[in-house]
Amino acid sequence: AINIDGIPELIDNDVDGYLIDPYSNNISKYVIELLRDKIKAKRMGINGARKINAKFTLKDCCNKHLNVFSELIE
């Protein structure tokens, strides 16, 4: 993914994906690497799924939004 905005909150580079400089032309390098290394690609996918299931549940996201809206109202 391109290393901008909130993306680094979702991806740990080389753990559950790759963070690529927005001005880089190297994205194809990483795609090819993962196509060639199915074990690494699967490991990154598993790591990413674990993170999403642990940190970004629907309930947690709703509570975070509710907190922001509550603060805005006050």
PDB file of N, CA and C in Angstrom:
ATOM      1  N   ALA A   1       0.841  -1.178   0.000  1.00  0.00           N
ATOM      2  CA  ALA A   1       0.000   0.000   0.000  1.00  0.00           C
ATOM      3  C   ALA A   1       0.885   1.239   0.000  1.00  0.00           C
ATOM      4  N   ILE A   2       0.340   2.311  -0.460  1.00  0.00           N
ATOM      5  CA  ILE A   2       1.070   3.572  -0.485  1.00  0.00           C
ATOM      6  C   ILE A   2       1.113   4.141   0.940  1.00  0.00           C
ATOM      7  N   ASN A   3       2.278   4.556   1.368  1.00  0.00           N
ATOM      8  CA  ASN A   3       2.515   5.033   2.730  1.00  0.00           C
ATOM      9  C   ASN A   3       2.033   6.486   2.873  1.00  0.00           C
ATOM     10  N   ILE A   4       0.694   6.636   2.967  1.00  0.00           N
ATOM     11  CA  ILE A   4       0.092   7.958   3.141  1.00  0.00           C
ATOM     12  C   ILE A   4      -1.057   7.865   4.138  1.00  0.00           C
ATOM     13  N   ASP A   5      -1.453   8.998   4.632  1.00  0.00           N
ATOM     14  CA  ASP A   5      -2.622   9.155   5.501  1.00  0.00           C
ATOM     15  C   ASP A   5      -2.656   8.105   6.609  1.00  0.00           C
ATOM     16  N   GLY A   6      -3.752   7.374   6.739  1.00  0.00           N
ATOM     17  CA  GLY A   6      -3.921   6.415   7.817  1.00  0.00           C
ATOM     18  C   GLY A   6      -3.456   5.003   7.495  1.00  0.00           C
ATOM     19  N   ILE A   7      -2.884   4.820   6.314  1.00  0.00           N
ATOM     20  CA  ILE A   7      -2.471   3.479   5.897  1.00  0.00           C
ATOM     21  C   ILE A   7      -1.466   2.844   6.859  1.00  0.00           C
ATOM     22  N   PRO A   8      -0.463   3.574   7.363  1.00  0.00           N
ATOM     23  CA  PRO A   8       0.471   2.936   8.305  1.00  0.00           C
ATOM     24  C   PRO A   8      -0.188   2.433   9.586  1.00  0.00           C
ATOM     25  N   GLU A   9      -1.380   2.921   9.893  1.00  0.00           N
ATOM     26  CA  GLU A   9      -2.121   2.399  11.041  1.00  0.00           C
ATOM     27  C   GLU A   9      -2.591   0.970  10.764  1.00  0.00           C
ATOM     28  N   LEU A  10      -2.804   0.667   9.506  1.00  0.00           N
ATOM     29  CA  LEU A  10      -3.305  -0.648   9.118  1.00  0.00           C
ATOM     30  C   LEU A  10      -2.199  -1.647   8.798  1.00  0.00           C
ATOM     31  N   ILE A  11      -1.081  -1.165   8.287  1.00  0.00           N
ATOM     32  CA  ILE A  11      -0.050  -2.067   7.775  1.00  0.00           C
ATOM     33  C   ILE A  11       1.271  -1.839   8.491  1.00  0.00           C
ATOM     34  N   ASP A  12       1.845  -2.937   8.969  1.00  0.00           N
ATOM     35  CA  ASP A  12       3.217  -2.925   9.482  1.00  0.00           C
ATOM     36  C   ASP A  12       4.097  -3.446   8.357  1.00  0.00           C
ATOM     37  N   ASN A  13       4.992  -2.608   7.895  1.00  0.00           N
ATOM     38  CA  ASN A  13       5.815  -2.940   6.740  1.00  0.00           C
ATOM     39  C   ASN A  13       6.547  -4.264   6.938  1.00  0.00           C
ATOM     40  N   ASP A  14       6.422  -5.132   5.953  1.00  0.00           N
ATOM     41  CA  ASP A  14       7.072  -6.432   5.878  1.00  0.00           C
ATOM     42  C   ASP A  14       6.534  -7.426   6.915  1.00  0.00           C
ATOM     43  N   VAL A  15       5.435  -7.062   7.594  1.00  0.00           N
ATOM     44  CA  VAL A  15       4.806  -7.975   8.550  1.00  0.00           C
ATOM     45  C   VAL A  15       3.457  -8.439   7.992  1.00  0.00           C
ATOM     46  N   ASP A  16       2.623  -7.475   7.620  1.00  0.00           N
ATOM     47  CA  ASP A  16       1.320  -7.807   7.059  1.00  0.00           C
ATOM     48  C   ASP A  16       1.060  -7.034   5.768  1.00  0.00           C
ATOM     49  N   GLY A  17       2.118  -6.607   5.156  1.00  0.00           N
ATOM     50  CA  GLY A  17       2.045  -5.897   3.888  1.00  0.00           C
ATOM     51  C   GLY A  17       3.294  -5.080   3.681  1.00  0.00           C
ATOM     52  N   TYR A  18       3.269  -4.277   2.659  1.00  0.00           N
ATOM     53  CA  TYR A  18       4.388  -3.384   2.371  1.00  0.00           C
ATOM     54  C   TYR A  18       3.881  -1.952   2.317  1.00  0.00           C
ATOM     55  N   LEU A  19       4.640  -1.052   2.913  1.00  0.00           N
ATOM     56  CA  LEU A  19       4.366   0.377   2.802  1.00  0.00           C
ATOM     57  C   LEU A  19       5.331   0.959   1.786  1.00  0.00           C
ATOM     58  N   ILE A  20       4.784   1.524   0.748  1.00  0.00           N
ATOM     59  CA  ILE A  20       5.595   2.002  -0.368  1.00  0.00           C
ATOM     60  C   ILE A  20       5.516   3.516  -0.446  1.00  0.00           C
ATOM     61  N   ASP A  21       6.649   4.130  -0.629  1.00  0.00           N
ATOM     62  CA  ASP A  21       6.734   5.580  -0.777  1.00  0.00           C
ATOM     63  C   ASP A  21       5.823   6.029  -1.923  1.00  0.00           C
ATOM     64  N   PRO A  22       5.060   7.091  -1.711  1.00  0.00           N
ATOM     65  CA  PRO A  22       4.124   7.523  -2.755  1.00  0.00           C
ATOM     66  C   PRO A  22       4.796   7.933  -4.064  1.00  0.00           C
ATOM     67  N   TYR A  23       6.066   8.244  -4.019  1.00  0.00           N
ATOM     68  CA  TYR A  23       6.758   8.670  -5.236  1.00  0.00           C
ATOM     69  C   TYR A  23       7.617   7.561  -5.825  1.00  0.00           C
ATOM     70  N   SER A  24       7.465   6.362  -5.317  1.00  0.00           N
ATOM     71  CA  SER A  24       8.264   5.233  -5.780  1.00  0.00           C
ATOM     72  C   SER A  24       7.577   4.532  -6.946  1.00  0.00           C
ATOM     73  N   ASN A  25       8.369   3.953  -7.781  1.00  0.00           N
ATOM     74  CA  ASN A  25       7.852   3.143  -8.886  1.00  0.00           C
ATOM     75  C   ASN A  25       8.088   1.662  -8.621  1.00  0.00           C
ATOM     76  N   ASN A  26       8.311   1.288  -7.354  1.00  0.00           N
ATOM     77  CA  ASN A  26       8.689  -0.074  -7.014  1.00  0.00           C
ATOM     78  C   ASN A  26       7.532  -0.991  -6.643  1.00  0.00           C
ATOM     79  N   ILE A  27       6.300  -0.574  -6.815  1.00  0.00           N
ATOM     80  CA  ILE A  27       5.188  -1.414  -6.370  1.00  0.00           C
ATOM     81  C   ILE A  27       5.209  -2.769  -7.073  1.00  0.00           C
ATOM     82  N   SER A  28       5.581  -2.801  -8.335  1.00  0.00           N
ATOM     83  CA  SER A  28       5.616  -4.072  -9.063  1.00  0.00           C
ATOM     84  C   SER A  28       6.629  -5.027  -8.454  1.00  0.00           C
ATOM     85  N   LYS A  29       7.710  -4.514  -7.907  1.00  0.00           N
ATOM     86  CA  LYS A  29       8.733  -5.344  -7.255  1.00  0.00           C
ATOM     87  C   LYS A  29       8.108  -6.150  -6.116  1.00  0.00           C
ATOM     88  N   TYR A  30       7.274  -5.498  -5.319  1.00  0.00           N
ATOM     89  CA  TYR A  30       6.660  -6.159  -4.171  1.00  0.00           C
ATOM     90  C   TYR A  30       5.569  -7.136  -4.601  1.00  0.00           C
ATOM     91  N   VAL A  31       4.819  -6.782  -5.618  1.00  0.00           N
ATOM     92  CA  VAL A  31       3.793  -7.688  -6.128  1.00  0.00           C
ATOM     93  C   VAL A  31       4.450  -8.961  -6.655  1.00  0.00           C
ATOM     94  N   ILE A  32       5.499  -8.798  -7.424  1.00  0.00           N
ATOM     95  CA  ILE A  32       6.211  -9.962  -7.970  1.00  0.00           C
ATOM     96  C   ILE A  32       6.800 -10.810  -6.844  1.00  0.00           C
ATOM     97  N   GLU A  33       7.369 -10.153  -5.838  1.00  0.00           N
ATOM     98  CA  GLU A  33       7.934 -10.895  -4.710  1.00  0.00           C
ATOM     99  C   GLU A  33       6.885 -11.788  -4.049  1.00  0.00           C
ATOM    100  N   LEU A  34       5.692 -11.236  -3.814  1.00  0.00           N
ATOM    101  CA  LEU A  34       4.654 -12.022  -3.159  1.00  0.00           C
ATOM    102  C   LEU A  34       4.071 -13.093  -4.069  1.00  0.00           C
ATOM    103  N   LEU A  35       4.046 -12.852  -5.355  1.00  0.00           N
ATOM    104  CA  LEU A  35       3.603 -13.893  -6.285  1.00  0.00           C
ATOM    105  C   LEU A  35       4.585 -15.054  -6.312  1.00  0.00           C
ATOM    106  N   ARG A  36       5.854 -14.756  -6.140  1.00  0.00           N
ATOM    107  CA  ARG A  36       6.889 -15.804  -6.155  1.00  0.00           C
ATOM    108  C   ARG A  36       7.020 -16.512  -4.810  1.00  0.00           C
ATOM    109  N   ASP A  37       6.724 -15.825  -3.732  1.00  0.00           N
ATOM    110  CA  ASP A  37       6.893 -16.385  -2.396  1.00  0.00           C
ATOM    111  C   ASP A  37       5.523 -16.552  -1.742  1.00  0.00           C
ATOM    112  N   LYS A  38       4.871 -17.657  -2.081  1.00  0.00           N
ATOM    113  CA  LYS A  38       3.509 -17.899  -1.599  1.00  0.00           C
ATOM    114  C   LYS A  38       3.458 -18.059  -0.080  1.00  0.00           C
ATOM    115  N   ILE A  39       4.524 -18.569   0.521  1.00  0.00           N
ATOM    116  CA  ILE A  39       4.551 -18.731   1.983  1.00  0.00           C
ATOM    117  C   ILE A  39       4.552 -17.363   2.656  1.00  0.00           C
ATOM    118  N   LYS A  40       5.374 -16.450   2.158  1.00  0.00           N
ATOM    119  CA  LYS A  40       5.410 -15.098   2.724  1.00  0.00           C
ATOM    120  C   LYS A  40       4.077 -14.390   2.508  1.00  0.00           C
ATOM    121  N   ALA A  41       3.511 -14.542   1.319  1.00  0.00           N
ATOM    122  CA  ALA A  41       2.222 -13.910   1.024  1.00  0.00           C
ATOM    123  C   ALA A  41       1.141 -14.429   1.972  1.00  0.00           C
ATOM    124  N   LYS A  42       1.134 -15.737   2.215  1.00  0.00           N
ATOM    125  CA  LYS A  42       0.139 -16.311   3.122  1.00  0.00           C
ATOM    126  C   LYS A  42       0.370 -15.826   4.547  1.00  0.00           C
ATOM    127  N   ARG A  43       1.638 -15.791   4.976  1.00  0.00           N
ATOM    128  CA  ARG A  43       1.960 -15.323   6.329  1.00  0.00           C
ATOM    129  C   ARG A  43       1.506 -13.878   6.517  1.00  0.00           C
ATOM    130  N   MET A  44       1.775 -13.016   5.518  1.00  0.00           N
ATOM    131  CA  MET A  44       1.341 -11.623   5.611  1.00  0.00           C
ATOM    132  C   MET A  44      -0.180 -11.535   5.676  1.00  0.00           C
ATOM    133  N   GLY A  45      -0.858 -12.354   4.904  1.00  0.00           N
ATOM    134  CA  GLY A  45      -2.318 -12.354   4.929  1.00  0.00           C
ATOM    135  C   GLY A  45      -2.873 -12.771   6.275  1.00  0.00           C
ATOM    136  N   ILE A  46      -2.274 -13.794   6.854  1.00  0.00           N
ATOM    137  CA  ILE A  46      -2.700 -14.258   8.177  1.00  0.00           C
ATOM    138  C   ILE A  46      -2.444 -13.171   9.219  1.00  0.00           C
ATOM    139  N   ASN A  47      -1.256 -12.554   9.164  1.00  0.00           N
ATOM    140  CA  ASN A  47      -0.943 -11.469  10.105  1.00  0.00           C
ATOM    141  C   ASN A  47      -1.930 -10.318   9.975  1.00  0.00           C
ATOM    142  N   GLY A  48      -2.250  -9.969   8.748  1.00  0.00           N
ATOM    143  CA  GLY A  48      -3.198  -8.877   8.522  1.00  0.00           C
ATOM    144  C   GLY A  48      -4.589  -9.203   9.040  1.00  0.00           C
ATOM    145  N   ALA A  49      -5.040 -10.427   8.805  1.00  0.00           N
ATOM    146  CA  ALA A  49      -6.361 -10.835   9.283  1.00  0.00           C
ATOM    147  C   ALA A  49      -6.415 -10.814  10.806  1.00  0.00           C
ATOM    148  N   ARG A  50      -5.346 -11.283  11.439  1.00  0.00           N
ATOM    149  CA  ARG A  50      -5.301 -11.254  12.907  1.00  0.00           C
ATOM    150  C   ARG A  50      -5.394  -9.822  13.428  1.00  0.00           C
ATOM    151  N   LYS A  51      -4.666  -8.923  12.791  1.00  0.00           N
ATOM    152  CA  LYS A  51      -4.685  -7.524  13.241  1.00  0.00           C
ATOM    153  C   LYS A  51      -6.082  -6.930  13.087  1.00  0.00           C
ATOM    154  N   ILE A  52      -6.695  -7.141  11.945  1.00  0.00           N
ATOM    155  CA  ILE A  52      -8.030  -6.591  11.699  1.00  0.00           C
ATOM    156  C   ILE A  52      -9.029  -7.155  12.701  1.00  0.00           C
ATOM    157  N   ASN A  53      -8.966  -8.464  12.939  1.00  0.00           N
ATOM    158  CA  ASN A  53      -9.896  -9.085  13.887  1.00  0.00           C
ATOM    159  C   ASN A  53      -9.672  -8.610  15.311  1.00  0.00           C
ATOM    160  N   ALA A  54      -8.446  -8.226  15.650  1.00  0.00           N
ATOM    161  CA  ALA A  54      -8.139  -7.792  17.012  1.00  0.00           C
ATOM    162  C   ALA A  54      -8.362  -6.293  17.220  1.00  0.00           C
ATOM    163  N   LYS A  55      -8.031  -5.480  16.226  1.00  0.00           N
ATOM    164  CA  LYS A  55      -8.011  -4.025  16.426  1.00  0.00           C
ATOM    165  C   LYS A  55      -9.127  -3.260  15.737  1.00  0.00           C
ATOM    166  N   PHE A  56      -9.773  -3.858  14.772  1.00  0.00           N
ATOM    167  CA  PHE A  56     -10.714  -3.100  13.960  1.00  0.00           C
ATOM    168  C   PHE A  56     -12.065  -3.810  13.852  1.00  0.00           C
ATOM    169  N   THR A  57     -12.574  -4.247  15.013  1.00  0.00           N
ATOM    170  CA  THR A  57     -13.889  -4.866  14.995  1.00  0.00           C
ATOM    171  C   THR A  57     -14.948  -3.788  14.754  1.00  0.00           C
ATOM    172  N   LEU A  58     -16.100  -4.212  14.298  1.00  0.00           N
ATOM    173  CA  LEU A  58     -17.194  -3.264  14.052  1.00  0.00           C
ATOM    174  C   LEU A  58     -17.572  -2.553  15.342  1.00  0.00           C
ATOM    175  N   LYS A  59     -17.614  -3.288  16.440  1.00  0.00           N
ATOM    176  CA  LYS A  59     -17.976  -2.694  17.726  1.00  0.00           C
ATOM    177  C   LYS A  59     -16.967  -1.617  18.123  1.00  0.00           C
ATOM    178  N   ASP A  60     -15.686  -1.916  18.001  1.00  0.00           N
ATOM    179  CA  ASP A  60     -14.660  -0.929  18.356  1.00  0.00           C
ATOM    180  C   ASP A  60     -14.737   0.305  17.468  1.00  0.00           C
ATOM    181  N   CYS A  61     -14.913   0.092  16.168  1.00  0.00           N
ATOM    182  CA  CYS A  61     -15.005   1.244  15.253  1.00  0.00           C
ATOM    183  C   CYS A  61     -16.225   2.098  15.575  1.00  0.00           C
ATOM    184  N   CYS A  62     -17.356   1.461  15.879  1.00  0.00           N
ATOM    185  CA  CYS A  62     -18.559   2.216  16.234  1.00  0.00           C
ATOM    186  C   CYS A  62     -18.341   3.013  17.514  1.00  0.00           C
ATOM    187  N   ASN A  63     -17.699   2.385  18.504  1.00  0.00           N
ATOM    188  CA  ASN A  63     -17.431   3.092  19.765  1.00  0.00           C
ATOM    189  C   ASN A  63     -16.498   4.277  19.555  1.00  0.00           C
ATOM    190  N   LYS A  64     -15.496   4.123  18.721  1.00  0.00           N
ATOM    191  CA  LYS A  64     -14.578   5.234  18.454  1.00  0.00           C
ATOM    192  C   LYS A  64     -15.323   6.386  17.778  1.00  0.00           C
ATOM    193  N   HIS A  65     -16.173   6.074  16.816  1.00  0.00           N
ATOM    194  CA  HIS A  65     -16.960   7.117  16.153  1.00  0.00           C
ATOM    195  C   HIS A  65     -17.915   7.779  17.143  1.00  0.00           C
ATOM    196  N   LEU A  66     -18.553   6.980  17.973  1.00  0.00           N
ATOM    197  CA  LEU A  66     -19.459   7.530  18.972  1.00  0.00           C
ATOM    198  C   LEU A  66     -18.736   8.491  19.900  1.00  0.00           C
ATOM    199  N   ASN A  67     -17.521   8.138  20.312  1.00  0.00           N
ATOM    200  CA  ASN A  67     -16.730   9.027  21.180  1.00  0.00           C
ATOM    201  C   ASN A  67     -16.419  10.340  20.485  1.00  0.00           C
ATOM    202  N   VAL A  68     -16.053  10.278  19.222  1.00  0.00           N
ATOM    203  CA  VAL A  68     -15.745  11.506  18.480  1.00  0.00           C
ATOM    204  C   VAL A  68     -16.996  12.375  18.367  1.00  0.00           C
ATOM    205  N   PHE A  69     -18.111  11.775  17.988  1.00  0.00           N
ATOM    206  CA  PHE A  69     -19.343  12.543  17.846  1.00  0.00           C
ATOM    207  C   PHE A  69     -19.799  13.132  19.197  1.00  0.00           C
ATOM    208  N   SER A  70     -19.627  12.356  20.255  1.00  0.00           N
ATOM    209  CA  SER A  70     -20.014  12.844  21.589  1.00  0.00           C
ATOM    210  C   SER A  70     -19.175  14.047  21.994  1.00  0.00           C
ATOM    211  N   GLU A  71     -17.882  13.991  21.696  1.00  0.00           N
ATOM    212  CA  GLU A  71     -17.003  15.131  21.991  1.00  0.00           C
ATOM    213  C   GLU A  71     -17.384  16.347  21.170  1.00  0.00           C
ATOM    214  N   LEU A  72     -17.776  16.145  19.933  1.00  0.00           N
ATOM    215  CA  LEU A  72     -18.183  17.273  19.072  1.00  0.00           C
ATOM    216  C   LEU A  72     -19.455  17.925  19.603  1.00  0.00           C
ATOM    217  N   ILE A  73     -20.367  17.132  20.104  1.00  0.00           N
ATOM    218  CA  ILE A  73     -21.633  17.654  20.615  1.00  0.00           C
ATOM    219  C   ILE A  73     -21.399  18.471  21.879  1.00  0.00           C
ATOM    220  N   GLU A  74     -20.492  17.984  22.723  1.00  0.00           N
ATOM    221  CA  GLU A  74     -20.212  18.685  23.981  1.00  0.00           C
ATOM    222  C   GLU A  74     -19.454  19.940  23.664  1.00  0.00           C
TER     223      GLU A  74
END
